[in-house]
Amino acid sequence: MKTKMTWETGNKIVKLLVVTAAVYFGMKFLFPIVLPFLIAFVIARVLFPLAKRLEQKTFLNRAGARAAAYVLFLAGVGLAAVGIIYLCYRMGSSCLVHVDGFMEQADRMYDACCEKIQDISGYGMDEIKSTLTRGKEGLTDSAIGYSKNAGWYMAGFLAKIFVSFIAAYIMLNDYEGLIRGIHKTQAGKSVMQMLHDMKMASGAYLKAQLMIMGIVTAVCVLGLFVLGNPYALWAGIGIGICDALPFIGTGTIFVPWALIEILLGGYRNAAGYLVIYILCSFIRQLLEPKLVGHKLGVPPLAVLMSIYIGVQVYGGAGVLLGPLSAFLIVQGYRAVV
């Protein structure tokens, strides 16, 4: 009896390890390849009810209704893109109008920082400026290299979006046949059920993240307003959005900001920025496991572990891919046990 239980336990552990390895390699290597087609399937699934309604309520036939639904989708995407470009243009124009004032302020801050470093370290002004200039040149070279990489990344991203849009139109035109083909096999049924569960989990995860981002943004806006920052609203909103991005976070903004204020002698503002940063970090670390765990119906500790392990395995994207991988491991394990 004991031998049988040991065998069953070992068998379950082996299956869990196999499923975990399959999810890891799938997320690491297969997921980026199939992502455009997954996006296309989601678009087709969203547009299909609209196409059926157009077909029933208008004079359009099947092909015309689906083409019309797709054109409406493209129009919505185009309007959103134009709105974002216009917003960036207005912000860029506003910055260009005040660029001289910004440069003068930056020069004054640079000189004040150098003087402060001179008072603290005892080094000469020329030596400090020379060191800072070399660091600035290295930072500029790194920024140029990063810009090139970002350009290639953007080109690849646009190519994937183009493929997704084309594939979405093809899938929409034969949506019923696609669904029938998927449901013909047991594997297809399992995948559809998993996609349905993933949709519910993703929606809950997104709601939790938006709630956290809203709270962090409110804290940033209020904190900057108390410190007397004239751009408290827009700066707070921007920092709140940065906090939701796995590669940036509030520390990337507030810590350098506080260091500059210390060098300039603005100890009150520096302390305020550090307090806001610590408070925002505490709020995210406290609320993320609880809210996400509550929305997904899993223990907060499990959510925290999935996020931490995801960041260690996938990098910054692990904030999203970690919980997704954990979900896939659980679903896959349930399917094979």
Protein backbone atom coordinates (compact mmCIF):
# COMPACT_ATOMS: atom_id res chain seq x y z
CA MET A 1 0.00 0.00 0.00
CA LYS A 2 2.80 2.37 0.95
CA THR A 3 4.69 1.49 -2.23
CA LYS A 4 1.59 2.26 -4.31
CA MET A 5 1.14 5.66 -2.66
CA THR A 6 4.80 6.46 -3.18
CA TRP A 7 4.51 5.49 -6.86
CA GLU A 8 1.41 7.68 -7.31
CA THR A 9 3.10 10.63 -5.61
CA GLY A 10 6.22 10.23 -7.73
CA ASN A 11 4.08 9.93 -10.87
CA LYS A 12 2.28 13.18 -10.02
CA ILE A 13 5.58 14.96 -9.37
CA VAL A 14 6.97 13.77 -12.71
CA LYS A 15 3.83 14.94 -14.52
CA LEU A 16 4.03 18.33 -12.78
CA LEU A 17 7.69 18.71 -13.79
CA VAL A 18 6.91 17.74 -17.39
CA VAL A 19 4.02 20.21 -17.59
CA THR A 20 6.18 22.94 -16.01
CA ALA A 21 9.00 22.32 -18.50
CA ALA A 22 6.52 22.32 -21.39
CA VAL A 23 5.01 25.63 -20.26
CA TYR A 24 8.43 27.20 -19.77
CA PHE A 25 9.75 26.24 -23.21
CA GLY A 26 6.41 27.08 -24.78
CA MET A 27 6.31 30.55 -23.23
CA LYS A 28 10.00 31.17 -23.92
CA PHE A 29 10.18 30.02 -27.55
CA LEU A 30 6.75 29.14 -29.00
CA PHE A 31 4.62 31.92 -27.53
CA PRO A 32 6.42 34.80 -29.35
CA ILE A 33 5.93 32.97 -32.66
CA VAL A 34 2.21 32.22 -32.30
CA LEU A 35 1.34 35.49 -30.52
CA PRO A 36 0.26 37.34 -33.72
CA PHE A 37 -2.18 34.53 -34.54
CA LEU A 38 -3.53 34.45 -30.98
CA ILE A 39 -4.14 38.19 -31.25
CA ALA A 40 -5.80 37.62 -34.63
CA PHE A 41 -8.10 34.98 -33.14
CA VAL A 42 -9.09 37.32 -30.30
CA ILE A 43 -9.86 40.11 -32.81
CA ALA A 44 -11.93 37.74 -34.95
CA ARG A 45 -13.81 36.46 -31.90
CA VAL A 46 -14.62 40.03 -30.81
CA LEU A 47 -15.70 41.15 -34.29
CA PHE A 48 -17.81 38.08 -35.11
CA PRO A 49 -20.91 39.15 -33.07
CA LEU A 50 -20.77 42.61 -34.68
CA ALA A 51 -20.54 41.05 -38.15
CA LYS A 52 -23.55 38.80 -37.46
CA ARG A 53 -25.56 41.76 -36.20
CA LEU A 54 -24.71 43.80 -39.32
CA GLU A 55 -25.72 40.88 -41.47
CA GLN A 56 -29.08 40.55 -39.70
CA LYS A 57 -29.92 44.25 -39.36
CA THR A 58 -28.69 45.61 -42.70
CA PHE A 59 -28.85 44.76 -46.39
CA LEU A 60 -25.28 43.45 -46.34
CA ASN A 61 -24.58 39.82 -47.15
CA ARG A 62 -22.24 37.59 -45.13
CA ALA A 63 -19.03 38.74 -46.79
CA GLY A 64 -20.07 42.40 -46.83
CA ALA A 65 -21.07 42.40 -43.16
CA ARG A 66 -17.74 40.90 -42.11
CA ALA A 67 -15.82 43.32 -44.29
CA ALA A 68 -17.80 46.21 -42.78
CA ALA A 69 -17.10 44.99 -39.22
CA TYR A 70 -13.40 44.72 -40.06
CA VAL A 71 -13.35 48.22 -41.58
CA LEU A 72 -15.01 49.61 -38.44
CA PHE A 73 -12.33 47.90 -36.38
CA LEU A 74 -9.55 49.39 -38.51
CA ALA A 75 -11.20 52.81 -38.27
CA GLY A 76 -11.29 52.57 -34.48
CA VAL A 77 -7.63 51.53 -34.35
CA GLY A 78 -6.74 54.33 -36.76
CA LEU A 79 -8.56 56.95 -34.71
CA ALA A 80 -6.83 55.75 -31.55
CA ALA A 81 -3.44 55.90 -33.29
CA VAL A 82 -4.14 59.40 -34.63
CA GLY A 83 -5.22 60.53 -31.16
CA ILE A 84 -2.00 59.21 -29.60
CA ILE A 85 0.14 60.79 -32.32
CA TYR A 86 -1.68 64.12 -31.91
CA LEU A 87 -1.22 64.00 -28.14
CA CYS A 88 2.50 63.29 -28.57
CA TYR A 89 2.72 66.14 -31.09
CA ARG A 90 1.06 68.60 -28.72
CA MET A 91 3.29 67.54 -25.84
CA GLY A 92 6.37 67.76 -28.09
CA SER A 93 5.34 71.19 -29.35
CA SER A 94 4.82 72.41 -25.79
CA CYS A 95 8.28 71.16 -24.85
CA LEU A 96 9.88 72.83 -27.88
CA VAL A 97 8.27 76.16 -26.99
CA HIS A 98 9.87 76.03 -23.54
CA VAL A 99 13.06 74.23 -24.57
CA ASP A 100 15.28 77.29 -23.99
CA GLY A 101 13.95 77.71 -20.47
CA PHE A 102 14.40 73.98 -19.81
CA MET A 103 18.00 74.11 -21.05
CA GLU A 104 18.81 77.14 -18.90
CA GLN A 105 17.27 75.47 -15.87
CA ALA A 106 19.20 72.26 -16.64
CA ASP A 107 22.47 74.23 -16.89
CA ARG A 108 21.80 75.91 -13.54
CA MET A 109 21.02 72.56 -11.97
CA TYR A 110 24.18 71.06 -13.49
CA ASP A 111 26.38 73.85 -12.13
CA ALA A 112 24.70 73.68 -8.72
CA CYS A 113 25.19 69.89 -8.58
CA CYS A 114 28.87 70.28 -9.49
CA GLU A 115 29.35 72.87 -6.77
CA LYS A 116 27.64 70.62 -4.23
CA ILE A 117 29.83 67.67 -5.23
CA GLN A 118 32.89 69.92 -4.93
CA ASP A 119 31.91 70.95 -1.40
CA ILE A 120 31.30 67.34 -0.37
CA SER A 121 34.23 65.61 -2.09
CA GLY A 122 36.87 68.35 -2.20
CA TYR A 123 37.66 67.71 -5.87
CA GLY A 124 38.16 70.61 -8.26
CA MET A 125 35.32 71.87 -10.42
CA ASP A 126 37.13 71.04 -13.68
CA GLU A 127 37.79 67.47 -12.58
CA ILE A 128 34.17 66.97 -11.54
CA LYS A 129 32.83 68.38 -14.80
CA SER A 130 35.27 66.23 -16.77
CA THR A 131 34.11 63.10 -14.94
CA LEU A 132 30.45 63.99 -15.39
CA THR A 133 31.02 64.75 -19.08
CA ARG A 134 32.60 61.33 -19.63
CA GLY A 135 29.69 59.72 -17.85
CA LYS A 136 27.26 61.75 -19.94
CA GLU A 137 29.02 60.68 -23.14
CA GLY A 138 28.83 57.04 -22.08
CA LEU A 139 25.18 57.48 -21.24
CA THR A 140 24.59 59.13 -24.62
CA ASP A 141 26.29 56.23 -26.43
CA SER A 142 24.18 53.76 -24.46
CA ALA A 143 21.05 55.75 -25.28
CA ILE A 144 21.93 55.71 -28.99
CA GLY A 145 22.47 51.95 -28.88
CA TYR A 146 19.21 51.51 -27.00
CA SER A 147 17.42 53.70 -29.56
CA LYS A 148 18.68 51.48 -32.38
CA ASN A 149 17.49 48.37 -30.56
CA ALA A 150 14.18 50.06 -29.82
CA GLY A 151 13.85 50.90 -33.51
CA TRP A 152 14.35 47.28 -34.52
CA TYR A 153 11.96 46.19 -31.79
CA MET A 154 9.34 48.66 -33.01
CA ALA A 155 9.78 47.44 -36.60
CA GLY A 156 9.28 43.85 -35.44
CA PHE A 157 6.28 44.88 -33.35
CA LEU A 158 4.64 46.63 -36.32
CA ALA A 159 5.32 43.58 -38.51
CA LYS A 160 3.59 41.34 -35.96
CA ILE A 161 0.64 43.72 -35.76
CA PHE A 162 0.37 43.71 -39.57
CA VAL A 163 0.37 39.90 -39.62
CA SER A 164 -2.23 39.86 -36.82
CA PHE A 165 -4.57 42.19 -38.71
CA ILE A 166 -4.31 40.19 -41.95
CA ALA A 167 -4.82 36.90 -40.11
CA ALA A 168 -7.78 38.38 -38.19
CA TYR A 169 -9.59 39.22 -41.44
CA ILE A 170 -8.98 35.72 -42.81
CA MET A 171 -10.18 34.11 -39.57
CA LEU A 172 -13.25 36.35 -39.43
CA ASN A 173 -14.29 35.34 -42.95
CA ASP A 174 -14.25 31.64 -42.01
CA TYR A 175 -14.94 31.93 -38.30
CA GLU A 176 -17.60 29.19 -38.15
CA GLY A 177 -15.39 26.73 -39.99
CA LEU A 178 -12.47 27.59 -37.74
CA ILE A 179 -14.51 26.97 -34.59
CA ARG A 180 -15.92 23.70 -35.99
CA GLY A 181 -12.42 22.51 -36.81
CA ILE A 182 -11.21 23.32 -33.31
CA HIS A 183 -14.15 21.53 -31.65
CA LYS A 184 -13.72 18.37 -33.73
CA THR A 185 -10.82 17.19 -31.60
CA GLN A 186 -10.54 16.67 -27.88
CA ALA A 187 -7.33 18.70 -27.86
CA GLY A 188 -9.16 21.57 -29.55
CA LYS A 189 -11.95 21.44 -26.98
CA SER A 190 -9.39 21.48 -24.17
CA VAL A 191 -7.62 24.46 -25.74
CA MET A 192 -10.90 26.37 -26.12
CA GLN A 193 -11.81 25.69 -22.50
CA MET A 194 -8.35 26.80 -21.43
CA LEU A 195 -8.67 29.97 -23.53
CA HIS A 196 -12.05 30.67 -21.90
CA ASP A 197 -10.57 30.24 -18.43
CA MET A 198 -7.59 32.35 -19.45
CA LYS A 199 -9.93 35.09 -20.68
CA MET A 200 -11.69 35.18 -17.31
CA ALA A 201 -8.39 35.15 -15.43
CA SER A 202 -6.84 37.82 -17.67
CA GLY A 203 -9.83 40.10 -17.22
CA ALA A 204 -9.62 39.72 -13.45
CA TYR A 205 -5.86 40.30 -13.50
CA LEU A 206 -6.24 43.42 -15.65
CA LYS A 207 -8.93 44.85 -13.37
CA ALA A 208 -6.69 44.33 -10.35
CA GLN A 209 -3.72 45.99 -12.07
CA LEU A 210 -5.85 48.97 -13.16
CA MET A 211 -7.10 49.37 -9.60
CA ILE A 212 -3.55 49.34 -8.24
CA MET A 213 -2.39 51.77 -10.93
CA GLY A 214 -5.27 54.12 -10.04
CA ILE A 215 -4.35 54.09 -6.34
CA VAL A 216 -0.63 54.63 -7.06
CA THR A 217 -1.45 57.46 -9.48
CA ALA A 218 -3.65 59.15 -6.88
CA VAL A 219 -0.85 58.91 -4.31
CA CYS A 220 1.66 60.40 -6.76
CA VAL A 221 -0.62 63.27 -7.75
CA LEU A 222 -1.51 64.07 -4.13
CA GLY A 223 2.11 63.82 -2.97
CA LEU A 224 3.43 66.08 -5.73
CA PHE A 225 0.60 68.55 -5.08
CA VAL A 226 1.50 68.71 -1.37
CA LEU A 227 5.14 69.34 -2.33
CA GLY A 228 4.01 72.25 -4.49
CA ASN A 229 4.97 70.76 -7.85
CA PRO A 230 3.26 72.84 -10.58
CA TYR A 231 2.92 69.78 -12.81
CA ALA A 232 1.53 67.53 -10.08
CA LEU A 233 -1.44 66.25 -12.10
CA TRP A 234 0.31 65.32 -15.34
CA ALA A 235 3.54 64.21 -13.67
CA GLY A 236 1.58 62.06 -11.21
CA ILE A 237 -0.42 60.44 -14.00
CA GLY A 238 2.74 59.77 -16.00
CA ILE A 239 4.54 58.25 -12.99
CA GLY A 240 1.47 56.15 -12.17
CA ILE A 241 1.51 54.74 -15.70
CA CYS A 242 5.26 54.10 -15.40
CA ASP A 243 4.63 52.16 -12.20
CA ALA A 244 2.43 49.74 -14.11
CA LEU A 245 5.23 49.09 -16.63
CA PRO A 246 7.49 46.22 -15.55
CA PHE A 247 10.65 47.84 -16.94
CA ILE A 248 10.30 51.23 -15.24
CA GLY A 249 8.42 51.64 -11.96
CA THR A 250 8.18 54.66 -9.68
CA GLY A 251 11.73 54.22 -8.39
CA THR A 252 13.18 55.01 -11.80
CA ILE A 253 11.59 58.45 -11.55
CA PHE A 254 11.62 59.35 -7.86
CA VAL A 255 15.08 58.10 -6.80
CA PRO A 256 17.10 60.16 -9.36
CA TRP A 257 14.74 63.07 -8.73
CA ALA A 258 15.46 62.88 -4.99
CA LEU A 259 19.23 62.66 -5.57
CA ILE A 260 19.16 65.78 -7.72
CA GLU A 261 17.17 67.62 -5.06
CA ILE A 262 19.71 66.58 -2.42
CA LEU A 263 22.56 67.96 -4.53
CA LEU A 264 20.61 71.17 -5.05
CA GLY A 265 19.88 71.49 -1.35
CA GLY A 266 16.15 70.78 -1.68
CA TYR A 267 16.09 68.34 1.23
CA ARG A 268 12.36 68.75 1.84
CA ASN A 269 11.47 67.82 -1.74
CA ALA A 270 14.01 64.97 -1.72
CA ALA A 271 12.49 63.53 1.43
CA GLY A 272 9.02 63.95 -0.06
CA TYR A 273 9.96 62.12 -3.27
CA LEU A 274 11.48 59.24 -1.30
CA VAL A 275 8.41 59.03 0.92
CA ILE A 276 6.13 58.92 -2.15
CA TYR A 277 8.33 56.23 -3.71
CA ILE A 278 8.36 54.07 -0.57
CA LEU A 279 4.61 54.51 -0.15
CA CYS A 280 3.89 53.55 -3.78
CA SER A 281 6.17 50.51 -3.54
CA PHE A 282 4.50 49.46 -0.29
CA ILE A 283 1.03 49.86 -1.82
CA ARG A 284 1.92 47.74 -4.86
CA GLN A 285 3.65 45.04 -2.83
CA LEU A 286 0.71 44.93 -0.40
CA LEU A 287 -2.21 45.16 -2.80
CA GLU A 288 -0.94 43.21 -5.82
CA PRO A 289 -0.97 39.74 -4.22
CA LYS A 290 -4.22 40.41 -2.34
CA LEU A 291 -6.20 41.98 -5.19
CA VAL A 292 -4.91 39.69 -7.90
CA GLY A 293 -5.33 36.67 -5.64
CA HIS A 294 -8.87 37.72 -4.75
CA LYS A 295 -9.83 38.30 -8.38
CA LEU A 296 -8.30 35.01 -9.54
CA GLY A 297 -9.44 33.01 -6.54
CA VAL A 298 -5.92 31.89 -5.56
CA PRO A 299 -3.86 32.54 -2.40
CA PRO A 300 -1.99 35.89 -2.41
CA LEU A 301 1.27 34.10 -1.61
CA ALA A 302 0.92 32.01 -4.77
CA VAL A 303 0.40 35.16 -6.85
CA LEU A 304 3.42 36.84 -5.26
CA MET A 305 5.56 33.76 -5.94
CA SER A 306 4.40 33.56 -9.56
CA ILE A 307 5.26 37.24 -10.13
CA TYR A 308 8.66 36.93 -8.44
CA ILE A 309 9.61 33.71 -10.24
CA GLY A 310 8.29 35.14 -13.53
CA VAL A 311 10.54 38.20 -13.21
CA GLN A 312 13.52 35.95 -12.44
CA VAL A 313 12.82 33.70 -15.43
CA TYR A 314 11.45 36.07 -18.09
CA GLY A 315 12.83 39.43 -16.93
CA GLY A 316 10.56 42.46 -16.67
CA ALA A 317 7.85 40.82 -18.76
CA GLY A 318 7.56 38.19 -16.02
CA VAL A 319 5.14 40.48 -14.18
CA LEU A 320 2.59 39.32 -16.78
CA LEU A 321 4.12 36.07 -18.02
CA GLY A 322 4.73 34.71 -14.51
CA PRO A 323 1.06 34.51 -13.45
CA LEU A 324 0.12 33.39 -16.98
CA SER A 325 2.66 30.56 -16.84
CA ALA A 326 1.44 29.53 -13.39
CA PHE A 327 -2.13 29.44 -14.71
CA LEU A 328 -1.09 27.28 -17.67
CA ILE A 329 0.85 24.92 -15.41
CA VAL A 330 -2.18 24.42 -13.16
CA GLN A 331 -4.53 23.88 -16.11
CA GLY A 332 -2.10 21.52 -17.84
CA TYR A 333 -1.53 19.53 -14.66
CA ARG A 334 -5.27 19.15 -14.12
CA ALA A 335 -5.62 17.90 -17.69
CA VAL A 336 -3.00 15.15 -17.36
CA VAL A 337 -3.74 13.98 -13.81
